[in-house]
Amino acid sequence: MNDAFEIKPLTKDLRDEYLYFFDHIIFTENPDRAKCYCYDYHFTGNVETCTRETSRASVIDLINENNLRGYLVFDHDKPIGWCNANDRSNFQRLLKDYDYVDNPNHKVCSIVCFLIHPDYRRQGIAHGILEKIIEDYSASDFDYFEAYPKKEASSCEGNFKGPLELYKRFDFKIHKEYDNYYVVRKLIQ
């Protein structure tokens, strides 16, 4: 990863940079996903009622309450990447719609999304973010890291959950397999 890039944990102080990233940078190549704001895994309502405005307002609340966690990547002052990594229990949609919970007593840090500006892809940014997550969260009280890579992605943009090979480089193991994706885990020691 380029030394000019800086990875910072999301805080209230970075809220405006986060919003700028979603308002103006990341979804220019795919405007259909512009309403997400990486709120999708927190949202449990009817998808038809979810709008860009409601998602944006909701992530502002989550950031202000310190319930939206992850990492922003900067090229100098410009936000160029984002990864949503949080306590799995904060991702209500994961808990509601998917069969991920084997043991409710396990504390799991879920990594659900990597968004990298198209001009910065394939430069080791996702690798650097995952390395930072593992470094920061290894001293926490989580039992596992968990992620949900797709089996096949048609493009870098479509592989927003991170490629399986990325996780394998960090010793994640396939925990469950579904038709279109895997659940991969890494024990936190």
N, C-alpha and C. Protein backbone atom coordinates (compact mmCIF):
# COMPACT_ATOMS: atom_id res chain seq x y z
N MET A 1 0.85 -1.18 0.00
CA MET A 1 0.00 0.00 0.00
C MET A 1 0.89 1.24 0.00
N ASN A 2 0.50 2.23 -0.75
CA ASN A 2 1.22 3.48 -0.87
C ASN A 2 1.33 4.18 0.49
N ASP A 3 2.51 4.68 0.81
CA ASP A 3 2.72 5.37 2.09
C ASP A 3 1.91 6.65 2.23
N ALA A 4 1.43 7.20 1.11
CA ALA A 4 0.62 8.43 1.16
C ALA A 4 -0.79 8.16 1.68
N PHE A 5 -1.19 6.88 1.68
CA PHE A 5 -2.53 6.52 2.14
C PHE A 5 -2.52 6.38 3.65
N GLU A 6 -3.57 6.87 4.27
CA GLU A 6 -3.69 6.77 5.72
C GLU A 6 -5.04 6.13 6.06
N ILE A 7 -5.00 5.16 6.96
CA ILE A 7 -6.20 4.45 7.38
C ILE A 7 -6.57 4.96 8.77
N LYS A 8 -7.81 5.45 8.90
CA LYS A 8 -8.26 6.02 10.17
C LYS A 8 -9.57 5.36 10.60
N PRO A 9 -9.69 5.02 11.89
CA PRO A 9 -10.98 4.52 12.37
C PRO A 9 -12.03 5.63 12.30
N LEU A 10 -13.25 5.26 11.94
CA LEU A 10 -14.33 6.23 11.87
C LEU A 10 -14.66 6.75 13.26
N THR A 11 -14.71 8.07 13.37
CA THR A 11 -15.12 8.74 14.61
C THR A 11 -16.10 9.84 14.23
N LYS A 12 -16.69 10.45 15.24
CA LYS A 12 -17.59 11.58 14.99
C LYS A 12 -16.85 12.71 14.26
N ASP A 13 -15.58 12.87 14.56
CA ASP A 13 -14.79 13.92 13.92
C ASP A 13 -14.61 13.70 12.42
N LEU A 14 -14.78 12.46 11.97
CA LEU A 14 -14.63 12.14 10.53
C LEU A 14 -15.98 11.98 9.83
N ARG A 15 -17.06 12.33 10.50
CA ARG A 15 -18.40 12.17 9.93
C ARG A 15 -18.54 12.89 8.59
N ASP A 16 -18.07 14.13 8.50
CA ASP A 16 -18.20 14.88 7.25
C ASP A 16 -17.42 14.23 6.11
N GLU A 17 -16.24 13.69 6.40
CA GLU A 17 -15.45 13.01 5.38
C GLU A 17 -16.15 11.73 4.92
N TYR A 18 -16.75 11.03 5.88
CA TYR A 18 -17.51 9.82 5.55
C TYR A 18 -18.67 10.17 4.61
N LEU A 19 -19.41 11.19 4.97
CA LEU A 19 -20.56 11.59 4.15
C LEU A 19 -20.10 12.08 2.77
N TYR A 20 -19.01 12.81 2.72
CA TYR A 20 -18.48 13.27 1.44
C TYR A 20 -18.12 12.07 0.55
N PHE A 21 -17.50 11.05 1.15
CA PHE A 21 -17.14 9.85 0.40
C PHE A 21 -18.37 9.23 -0.26
N PHE A 22 -19.46 9.13 0.49
CA PHE A 22 -20.68 8.53 -0.06
C PHE A 22 -21.48 9.50 -0.93
N ASP A 23 -21.46 10.76 -0.60
CA ASP A 23 -22.20 11.76 -1.38
C ASP A 23 -21.58 11.99 -2.76
N HIS A 24 -20.24 11.99 -2.84
CA HIS A 24 -19.58 12.49 -4.04
C HIS A 24 -18.57 11.55 -4.69
N ILE A 25 -18.15 10.49 -4.02
CA ILE A 25 -17.03 9.73 -4.56
C ILE A 25 -17.40 8.31 -4.97
N ILE A 26 -17.85 7.49 -4.06
CA ILE A 26 -17.84 6.05 -4.30
C ILE A 26 -18.89 5.57 -5.29
N PHE A 27 -20.05 6.15 -5.34
CA PHE A 27 -21.09 5.56 -6.18
C PHE A 27 -21.27 6.26 -7.53
N THR A 28 -20.27 7.03 -7.96
CA THR A 28 -20.35 7.63 -9.28
C THR A 28 -20.35 6.56 -10.37
N GLU A 29 -19.69 5.43 -10.12
CA GLU A 29 -19.67 4.35 -11.11
C GLU A 29 -20.91 3.48 -11.06
N ASN A 30 -21.62 3.50 -9.96
CA ASN A 30 -22.81 2.67 -9.80
C ASN A 30 -23.87 3.44 -9.02
N PRO A 31 -24.56 4.38 -9.65
CA PRO A 31 -25.53 5.21 -8.95
C PRO A 31 -26.70 4.43 -8.36
N ASP A 32 -26.96 3.22 -8.84
CA ASP A 32 -28.05 2.42 -8.29
C ASP A 32 -27.83 2.08 -6.82
N ARG A 33 -26.59 2.06 -6.39
CA ARG A 33 -26.28 1.73 -4.99
C ARG A 33 -26.09 2.96 -4.12
N ALA A 34 -26.35 4.12 -4.66
CA ALA A 34 -26.05 5.37 -3.97
C ALA A 34 -26.87 5.56 -2.69
N LYS A 35 -27.94 4.83 -2.53
CA LYS A 35 -28.74 5.00 -1.32
C LYS A 35 -28.20 4.21 -0.12
N CYS A 36 -27.18 3.42 -0.32
CA CYS A 36 -26.70 2.52 0.72
C CYS A 36 -26.07 3.22 1.92
N TYR A 37 -25.05 4.05 1.69
CA TYR A 37 -24.29 4.70 2.76
C TYR A 37 -23.72 3.68 3.75
N CYS A 38 -23.63 2.43 3.34
CA CYS A 38 -23.17 1.32 4.18
C CYS A 38 -24.10 1.14 5.39
N TYR A 39 -25.34 1.45 5.18
CA TYR A 39 -26.37 1.29 6.20
C TYR A 39 -27.13 -0.02 6.02
N ASP A 40 -26.95 -0.66 4.90
CA ASP A 40 -27.74 -1.82 4.52
C ASP A 40 -27.80 -2.90 5.60
N TYR A 41 -26.68 -3.24 6.19
CA TYR A 41 -26.67 -4.32 7.19
C TYR A 41 -27.24 -3.90 8.55
N HIS A 42 -27.45 -2.61 8.72
CA HIS A 42 -28.10 -2.12 9.94
C HIS A 42 -29.62 -2.01 9.76
N PHE A 43 -30.07 -1.95 8.51
CA PHE A 43 -31.47 -1.70 8.18
C PHE A 43 -32.28 -2.99 8.20
N THR A 44 -33.39 -2.99 8.91
CA THR A 44 -34.21 -4.21 8.98
C THR A 44 -35.61 -4.00 8.39
N GLY A 45 -35.89 -2.82 7.89
CA GLY A 45 -37.21 -2.55 7.33
C GLY A 45 -37.37 -3.06 5.92
N ASN A 46 -38.44 -2.64 5.30
CA ASN A 46 -38.73 -3.00 3.92
C ASN A 46 -37.79 -2.23 3.00
N VAL A 47 -37.06 -2.95 2.16
CA VAL A 47 -36.07 -2.35 1.28
C VAL A 47 -36.71 -1.29 0.37
N GLU A 48 -37.96 -1.48 0.01
CA GLU A 48 -38.64 -0.53 -0.86
C GLU A 48 -38.79 0.85 -0.20
N THR A 49 -38.82 0.90 1.12
CA THR A 49 -38.98 2.17 1.82
C THR A 49 -37.66 2.87 2.09
N CYS A 50 -36.56 2.20 1.86
CA CYS A 50 -35.24 2.77 2.12
C CYS A 50 -34.87 3.73 0.99
N THR A 51 -34.52 4.95 1.36
CA THR A 51 -34.12 5.96 0.37
C THR A 51 -32.73 6.47 0.72
N ARG A 52 -32.16 7.18 -0.21
CA ARG A 52 -30.84 7.78 0.03
C ARG A 52 -30.90 8.72 1.24
N GLU A 53 -31.95 9.51 1.33
CA GLU A 53 -32.08 10.48 2.42
C GLU A 53 -32.23 9.78 3.78
N THR A 54 -33.05 8.72 3.83
CA THR A 54 -33.24 8.04 5.12
C THR A 54 -31.97 7.29 5.52
N SER A 55 -31.27 6.69 4.55
CA SER A 55 -30.00 6.02 4.87
C SER A 55 -28.96 7.01 5.38
N ARG A 56 -28.87 8.15 4.71
CA ARG A 56 -27.90 9.17 5.11
C ARG A 56 -28.19 9.66 6.52
N ALA A 57 -29.45 9.96 6.81
CA ALA A 57 -29.83 10.42 8.15
C ALA A 57 -29.55 9.34 9.20
N SER A 58 -29.80 8.10 8.84
CA SER A 58 -29.58 7.00 9.77
C SER A 58 -28.10 6.80 10.07
N VAL A 59 -27.23 6.90 9.06
CA VAL A 59 -25.80 6.73 9.34
C VAL A 59 -25.26 7.89 10.17
N ILE A 60 -25.81 9.08 9.98
CA ILE A 60 -25.39 10.20 10.82
C ILE A 60 -25.70 9.87 12.28
N ASP A 61 -26.89 9.34 12.53
CA ASP A 61 -27.25 8.94 13.90
C ASP A 61 -26.31 7.85 14.41
N LEU A 62 -26.04 6.84 13.58
CA LEU A 62 -25.15 5.75 14.00
C LEU A 62 -23.74 6.26 14.31
N ILE A 63 -23.23 7.16 13.49
CA ILE A 63 -21.90 7.72 13.74
C ILE A 63 -21.91 8.53 15.04
N ASN A 64 -22.92 9.36 15.23
CA ASN A 64 -23.01 10.17 16.45
C ASN A 64 -23.13 9.32 17.70
N GLU A 65 -23.74 8.14 17.58
CA GLU A 65 -23.90 7.23 18.72
C GLU A 65 -22.74 6.24 18.84
N ASN A 66 -21.75 6.36 17.95
CA ASN A 66 -20.59 5.45 17.90
C ASN A 66 -21.01 4.00 17.61
N ASN A 67 -22.07 3.83 16.84
CA ASN A 67 -22.54 2.49 16.48
C ASN A 67 -22.23 2.11 15.04
N LEU A 68 -21.69 3.02 14.26
CA LEU A 68 -21.19 2.69 12.93
C LEU A 68 -19.67 2.73 13.04
N ARG A 69 -19.07 1.58 12.83
CA ARG A 69 -17.63 1.49 13.00
C ARG A 69 -17.00 0.96 11.73
N GLY A 70 -15.78 1.33 11.56
CA GLY A 70 -15.04 0.89 10.40
C GLY A 70 -13.87 1.83 10.20
N TYR A 71 -13.35 1.81 8.97
CA TYR A 71 -12.13 2.55 8.66
C TYR A 71 -12.27 3.31 7.35
N LEU A 72 -11.89 4.57 7.38
CA LEU A 72 -11.78 5.39 6.18
C LEU A 72 -10.32 5.42 5.75
N VAL A 73 -10.11 5.42 4.45
CA VAL A 73 -8.76 5.52 3.89
C VAL A 73 -8.66 6.85 3.16
N PHE A 74 -7.55 7.53 3.38
CA PHE A 74 -7.34 8.85 2.80
C PHE A 74 -6.09 8.87 1.93
N ASP A 75 -6.19 9.57 0.81
CA ASP A 75 -5.03 9.98 0.03
C ASP A 75 -4.87 11.46 0.33
N HIS A 76 -3.95 11.77 1.21
CA HIS A 76 -3.83 13.10 1.80
C HIS A 76 -5.15 13.42 2.51
N ASP A 77 -5.90 14.42 2.10
CA ASP A 77 -7.16 14.76 2.78
C ASP A 77 -8.38 14.17 2.09
N LYS A 78 -8.20 13.48 0.99
CA LYS A 78 -9.32 12.98 0.20
C LYS A 78 -9.68 11.55 0.64
N PRO A 79 -10.93 11.32 1.07
CA PRO A 79 -11.34 9.96 1.40
C PRO A 79 -11.47 9.12 0.12
N ILE A 80 -10.80 7.96 0.11
CA ILE A 80 -10.79 7.13 -1.10
C ILE A 80 -11.24 5.70 -0.83
N GLY A 81 -11.47 5.36 0.43
CA GLY A 81 -11.89 3.99 0.74
C GLY A 81 -12.59 3.91 2.08
N TRP A 82 -13.33 2.82 2.22
CA TRP A 82 -14.11 2.59 3.45
C TRP A 82 -14.23 1.09 3.66
N CYS A 83 -14.18 0.67 4.92
CA CYS A 83 -14.48 -0.70 5.30
C CYS A 83 -15.35 -0.67 6.54
N ASN A 84 -16.47 -1.39 6.48
CA ASN A 84 -17.41 -1.48 7.59
C ASN A 84 -17.06 -2.72 8.40
N ALA A 85 -16.55 -2.51 9.61
CA ALA A 85 -16.18 -3.60 10.51
C ALA A 85 -16.74 -3.27 11.89
N ASN A 86 -17.53 -4.18 12.43
CA ASN A 86 -18.28 -3.85 13.63
C ASN A 86 -18.64 -5.13 14.37
N ASP A 87 -19.09 -4.97 15.58
CA ASP A 87 -19.65 -6.08 16.34
C ASP A 87 -20.84 -6.64 15.56
N ARG A 88 -20.83 -7.93 15.32
CA ARG A 88 -21.90 -8.53 14.51
C ARG A 88 -23.28 -8.22 15.08
N SER A 89 -23.39 -8.07 16.37
CA SER A 89 -24.70 -7.78 16.98
C SER A 89 -25.24 -6.41 16.56
N ASN A 90 -24.38 -5.52 16.04
CA ASN A 90 -24.85 -4.22 15.54
C ASN A 90 -25.42 -4.30 14.14
N PHE A 91 -25.18 -5.41 13.44
CA PHE A 91 -25.69 -5.60 12.09
C PHE A 91 -27.00 -6.37 12.15
N GLN A 92 -28.06 -5.66 12.43
CA GLN A 92 -29.36 -6.30 12.65
C GLN A 92 -29.83 -7.11 11.45
N ARG A 93 -29.52 -6.67 10.26
CA ARG A 93 -29.95 -7.41 9.07
C ARG A 93 -29.22 -8.75 8.96
N LEU A 94 -27.95 -8.77 9.33
CA LEU A 94 -27.21 -10.04 9.35
C LEU A 94 -27.89 -11.03 10.29
N LEU A 95 -28.27 -10.55 11.44
CA LEU A 95 -28.88 -11.42 12.44
C LEU A 95 -30.29 -11.85 12.04
N LYS A 96 -31.00 -10.98 11.33
CA LYS A 96 -32.39 -11.27 10.95
C LYS A 96 -32.49 -12.15 9.72
N ASP A 97 -31.69 -11.87 8.69
CA ASP A 97 -31.88 -12.51 7.39
C ASP A 97 -30.95 -13.68 7.09
N TYR A 98 -29.92 -13.88 7.89
CA TYR A 98 -28.95 -14.91 7.56
C TYR A 98 -28.74 -15.86 8.74
N ASP A 99 -28.29 -17.05 8.41
CA ASP A 99 -28.05 -18.10 9.40
C ASP A 99 -26.57 -18.11 9.80
N TYR A 100 -26.12 -17.04 10.45
CA TYR A 100 -24.70 -16.93 10.77
C TYR A 100 -24.37 -17.29 12.21
N VAL A 101 -25.32 -17.25 13.09
CA VAL A 101 -25.01 -17.40 14.51
C VAL A 101 -25.04 -18.88 14.91
N ASP A 102 -23.86 -19.42 15.14
CA ASP A 102 -23.75 -20.80 15.64
C ASP A 102 -23.88 -20.82 17.15
N ASN A 103 -23.16 -19.94 17.77
CA ASN A 103 -23.15 -19.87 19.23
C ASN A 103 -23.39 -18.41 19.61
N PRO A 104 -24.54 -18.11 20.21
CA PRO A 104 -24.84 -16.72 20.55
C PRO A 104 -23.89 -16.12 21.58
N ASN A 105 -23.11 -16.96 22.25
CA ASN A 105 -22.15 -16.45 23.23
C ASN A 105 -20.85 -15.97 22.59
N HIS A 106 -20.61 -16.34 21.34
CA HIS A 106 -19.40 -15.87 20.65
C HIS A 106 -19.53 -14.39 20.31
N LYS A 107 -18.49 -13.66 20.60
CA LYS A 107 -18.44 -12.24 20.21
C LYS A 107 -17.68 -12.18 18.89
N VAL A 108 -18.34 -11.64 17.88
CA VAL A 108 -17.79 -11.68 16.52
C VAL A 108 -17.65 -10.27 15.96
N CYS A 109 -16.49 -9.98 15.41
CA CYS A 109 -16.26 -8.75 14.67
C CYS A 109 -16.51 -9.06 13.20
N SER A 110 -17.60 -8.54 12.65
CA SER A 110 -17.96 -8.79 11.25
C SER A 110 -17.39 -7.72 10.34
N ILE A 111 -16.85 -8.18 9.23
CA ILE A 111 -16.32 -7.29 8.19
C ILE A 111 -17.26 -7.46 7.00
N VAL A 112 -18.06 -6.44 6.71
CA VAL A 112 -19.14 -6.63 5.72
C VAL A 112 -18.93 -5.90 4.40
N CYS A 113 -18.04 -4.93 4.35
CA CYS A 113 -17.99 -4.13 3.12
C CYS A 113 -16.64 -3.45 2.96
N PHE A 114 -16.07 -3.54 1.76
CA PHE A 114 -14.91 -2.75 1.35
C PHE A 114 -15.34 -1.92 0.16
N LEU A 115 -15.21 -0.63 0.25
CA LEU A 115 -15.50 0.25 -0.88
C LEU A 115 -14.26 1.07 -1.17
N ILE A 116 -13.70 0.87 -2.35
CA ILE A 116 -12.47 1.57 -2.75
C ILE A 116 -12.76 2.33 -4.04
N HIS A 117 -12.37 3.60 -4.08
CA HIS A 117 -12.54 4.40 -5.30
C HIS A 117 -11.89 3.66 -6.47
N PRO A 118 -12.53 3.65 -7.64
CA PRO A 118 -12.00 2.89 -8.79
C PRO A 118 -10.56 3.22 -9.15
N ASP A 119 -10.14 4.47 -8.99
CA ASP A 119 -8.77 4.84 -9.35
C ASP A 119 -7.72 4.30 -8.38
N TYR A 120 -8.17 3.77 -7.25
CA TYR A 120 -7.25 3.31 -6.21
C TYR A 120 -7.30 1.80 -5.98
N ARG A 121 -8.08 1.10 -6.76
CA ARG A 121 -8.17 -0.35 -6.59
C ARG A 121 -6.89 -1.04 -7.04
N ARG A 122 -6.69 -2.21 -6.48
CA ARG A 122 -5.52 -3.06 -6.79
C ARG A 122 -4.20 -2.38 -6.40
N GLN A 123 -4.26 -1.64 -5.30
CA GLN A 123 -3.06 -1.00 -4.77
C GLN A 123 -2.80 -1.44 -3.33
N GLY A 124 -3.46 -2.50 -2.90
CA GLY A 124 -3.22 -3.03 -1.56
C GLY A 124 -4.01 -2.36 -0.46
N ILE A 125 -4.99 -1.55 -0.81
CA ILE A 125 -5.74 -0.81 0.21
C ILE A 125 -6.58 -1.75 1.07
N ALA A 126 -7.33 -2.66 0.45
CA ALA A 126 -8.15 -3.61 1.23
C ALA A 126 -7.24 -4.45 2.13
N HIS A 127 -6.10 -4.86 1.63
CA HIS A 127 -5.13 -5.62 2.43
C HIS A 127 -4.70 -4.79 3.64
N GLY A 128 -4.38 -3.51 3.41
CA GLY A 128 -3.98 -2.63 4.51
C GLY A 128 -5.07 -2.42 5.54
N ILE A 129 -6.31 -2.30 5.06
CA ILE A 129 -7.43 -2.12 5.99
C ILE A 129 -7.61 -3.38 6.83
N LEU A 130 -7.60 -4.55 6.19
CA LEU A 130 -7.80 -5.79 6.94
C LEU A 130 -6.68 -5.99 7.96
N GLU A 131 -5.48 -5.65 7.58
CA GLU A 131 -4.35 -5.73 8.50
C GLU A 131 -4.58 -4.82 9.70
N LYS A 132 -5.10 -3.62 9.46
CA LYS A 132 -5.38 -2.65 10.54
C LYS A 132 -6.51 -3.15 11.44
N ILE A 133 -7.56 -3.74 10.85
CA ILE A 133 -8.66 -4.29 11.65
C ILE A 133 -8.12 -5.36 12.59
N ILE A 134 -7.34 -6.27 12.04
CA ILE A 134 -6.79 -7.37 12.85
C ILE A 134 -5.90 -6.82 13.96
N GLU A 135 -5.07 -5.85 13.63
CA GLU A 135 -4.20 -5.23 14.63
C GLU A 135 -5.02 -4.56 15.74
N ASP A 136 -6.02 -3.76 15.36
CA ASP A 136 -6.80 -3.00 16.33
C ASP A 136 -7.73 -3.87 17.17
N TYR A 137 -8.35 -4.86 16.55
CA TYR A 137 -9.36 -5.64 17.25
C TYR A 137 -8.81 -6.88 17.95
N SER A 138 -7.58 -7.25 17.70
CA SER A 138 -7.03 -8.45 18.32
C SER A 138 -6.91 -8.32 19.84
N ALA A 139 -6.79 -7.11 20.32
CA ALA A 139 -6.69 -6.90 21.77
C ALA A 139 -8.06 -6.69 22.42
N SER A 140 -9.12 -6.84 21.63
CA SER A 140 -10.47 -6.62 22.15
C SER A 140 -11.02 -7.91 22.75
N ASP A 141 -12.28 -7.88 23.12
CA ASP A 141 -12.88 -9.07 23.71
C ASP A 141 -13.65 -9.91 22.69
N PHE A 142 -13.36 -9.73 21.40
CA PHE A 142 -13.99 -10.55 20.37
C PHE A 142 -13.34 -11.94 20.34
N ASP A 143 -14.15 -12.92 19.96
CA ASP A 143 -13.64 -14.28 19.81
C ASP A 143 -13.18 -14.56 18.38
N TYR A 144 -13.88 -13.96 17.40
CA TYR A 144 -13.60 -14.22 15.99
C TYR A 144 -13.73 -12.96 15.15
N PHE A 145 -13.00 -12.97 14.04
CA PHE A 145 -13.29 -12.09 12.91
C PHE A 145 -14.12 -12.93 11.96
N GLU A 146 -15.08 -12.29 11.28
CA GLU A 146 -15.93 -13.02 10.35
C GLU A 146 -16.21 -12.12 9.14
N ALA A 147 -16.24 -12.73 7.95
CA ALA A 147 -16.53 -11.99 6.72
C ALA A 147 -17.33 -12.89 5.79
N TYR A 148 -17.86 -12.31 4.72
CA TYR A 148 -18.85 -12.98 3.88
C TYR A 148 -18.55 -12.81 2.39
N PRO A 149 -17.37 -13.26 1.93
CA PRO A 149 -17.02 -13.05 0.53
C PRO A 149 -17.90 -13.83 -0.43
N LYS A 150 -18.15 -13.21 -1.57
CA LYS A 150 -18.92 -13.89 -2.62
C LYS A 150 -18.06 -14.97 -3.27
N LYS A 151 -18.72 -16.00 -3.79
CA LYS A 151 -17.98 -17.03 -4.51
C LYS A 151 -17.48 -16.51 -5.84
N GLU A 152 -18.30 -15.72 -6.51
CA GLU A 152 -17.89 -15.15 -7.79
C GLU A 152 -18.35 -13.70 -7.83
N ALA A 153 -17.45 -12.84 -8.25
CA ALA A 153 -17.80 -11.43 -8.44
C ALA A 153 -17.41 -11.05 -9.85
N SER A 154 -18.30 -10.37 -10.52
CA SER A 154 -18.07 -10.02 -11.92
C SER A 154 -17.09 -8.86 -12.09
N SER A 155 -16.81 -8.11 -11.01
CA SER A 155 -15.93 -6.96 -11.11
C SER A 155 -15.36 -6.65 -9.73
N CYS A 156 -14.37 -5.77 -9.69
CA CYS A 156 -13.85 -5.31 -8.40
C CYS A 156 -14.95 -4.64 -7.60
N GLU A 157 -15.75 -3.83 -8.27
CA GLU A 157 -16.85 -3.12 -7.61
C GLU A 157 -17.86 -4.10 -7.06
N GLY A 158 -18.10 -5.19 -7.78
CA GLY A 158 -19.05 -6.20 -7.33
C GLY A 158 -18.51 -7.07 -6.21
N ASN A 159 -17.22 -6.98 -5.96
CA ASN A 159 -16.59 -7.80 -4.92
C ASN A 159 -16.43 -6.99 -3.63
N PHE A 160 -17.45 -6.21 -3.31
CA PHE A 160 -17.37 -5.27 -2.19
C PHE A 160 -17.27 -5.94 -0.83
N LYS A 161 -17.53 -7.23 -0.74
CA LYS A 161 -17.38 -7.91 0.55
C LYS A 161 -15.95 -8.39 0.76
N GLY A 162 -15.11 -8.14 -0.21
CA GLY A 162 -13.71 -8.57 -0.15
C GLY A 162 -13.56 -9.94 -0.78
N PRO A 163 -12.48 -10.15 -1.51
CA PRO A 163 -12.27 -11.45 -2.15
C PRO A 163 -11.83 -12.52 -1.15
N LEU A 164 -12.23 -13.74 -1.41
CA LEU A 164 -11.85 -14.86 -0.55
C LEU A 164 -10.34 -14.93 -0.37
N GLU A 165 -9.59 -14.70 -1.44
CA GLU A 165 -8.13 -14.78 -1.37
C GLU A 165 -7.54 -13.78 -0.38
N LEU A 166 -8.15 -12.61 -0.26
CA LEU A 166 -7.69 -11.62 0.71
C LEU A 166 -7.78 -12.21 2.12
N TYR A 167 -8.89 -12.80 2.44
CA TYR A 167 -9.07 -13.36 3.78
C TYR A 167 -8.15 -14.55 4.01
N LYS A 168 -7.95 -15.36 3.00
CA LYS A 168 -7.04 -16.51 3.15
C LYS A 168 -5.62 -16.06 3.47
N ARG A 169 -5.20 -14.91 2.91
CA ARG A 169 -3.86 -14.39 3.20
C ARG A 169 -3.68 -14.09 4.69
N PHE A 170 -4.78 -13.86 5.38
CA PHE A 170 -4.74 -13.55 6.81
C PHE A 170 -5.23 -14.74 7.65
N ASP A 171 -5.19 -15.92 7.08
CA ASP A 171 -5.52 -17.18 7.78
C ASP A 171 -6.98 -17.30 8.20
N PHE A 172 -7.88 -16.64 7.47
CA PHE A 172 -9.30 -16.91 7.68
C PHE A 172 -9.59 -18.27 7.07
N LYS A 173 -10.46 -19.01 7.71
CA LYS A 173 -10.87 -20.34 7.23
C LYS A 173 -12.34 -20.31 6.86
N ILE A 174 -12.71 -21.12 5.88
CA ILE A 174 -14.12 -21.22 5.51
C ILE A 174 -14.86 -21.90 6.66
N HIS A 175 -15.83 -21.20 7.18
CA HIS A 175 -16.62 -21.68 8.31
C HIS A 175 -17.94 -22.29 7.83
N LYS A 176 -18.56 -21.64 6.84
CA LYS A 176 -19.80 -22.13 6.24
C LYS A 176 -19.76 -21.80 4.75
N GLU A 177 -20.49 -22.59 3.99
CA GLU A 177 -20.56 -22.35 2.56
C GLU A 177 -22.02 -22.33 2.14
N TYR A 178 -22.37 -21.31 1.35
CA TYR A 178 -23.71 -21.17 0.81
C TYR A 178 -23.61 -21.17 -0.71
N ASP A 179 -24.73 -21.08 -1.39
CA ASP A 179 -24.73 -21.13 -2.85
C ASP A 179 -23.86 -20.06 -3.48
N ASN A 180 -23.94 -18.82 -2.97
CA ASN A 180 -23.27 -17.70 -3.62
C ASN A 180 -22.12 -17.08 -2.83
N TYR A 181 -21.92 -17.51 -1.59
CA TYR A 181 -20.89 -16.88 -0.77
C TYR A 181 -20.43 -17.83 0.32
N TYR A 182 -19.35 -17.42 0.98
CA TYR A 182 -18.80 -18.15 2.12
C TYR A 182 -18.95 -17.29 3.37
N VAL A 183 -18.89 -17.95 4.51
CA VAL A 183 -18.67 -17.30 5.77
C VAL A 183 -17.26 -17.74 6.17
N VAL A 184 -16.35 -16.78 6.30
CA VAL A 184 -14.99 -17.11 6.69
C VAL A 184 -14.72 -16.53 8.07
N ARG A 185 -13.90 -17.25 8.83
CA ARG A 185 -13.61 -16.85 10.19
C ARG A 185 -12.13 -16.96 10.51
N LYS A 186 -11.73 -16.13 11.45
CA LYS A 186 -10.38 -16.19 12.00
C LYS A 186 -10.52 -16.07 13.51
N LEU A 187 -9.96 -17.04 14.21
CA LEU A 187 -9.96 -17.03 15.67
C LEU A 187 -9.05 -15.91 16.17
N ILE A 188 -9.54 -15.14 17.12
CA ILE A 188 -8.73 -14.10 17.73
C ILE A 188 -8.10 -14.69 18.96
N GLN A 189 -6.79 -14.64 19.00
CA GLN A 189 -6.07 -15.31 20.10
C GLN A 189 -5.61 -14.35 21.15
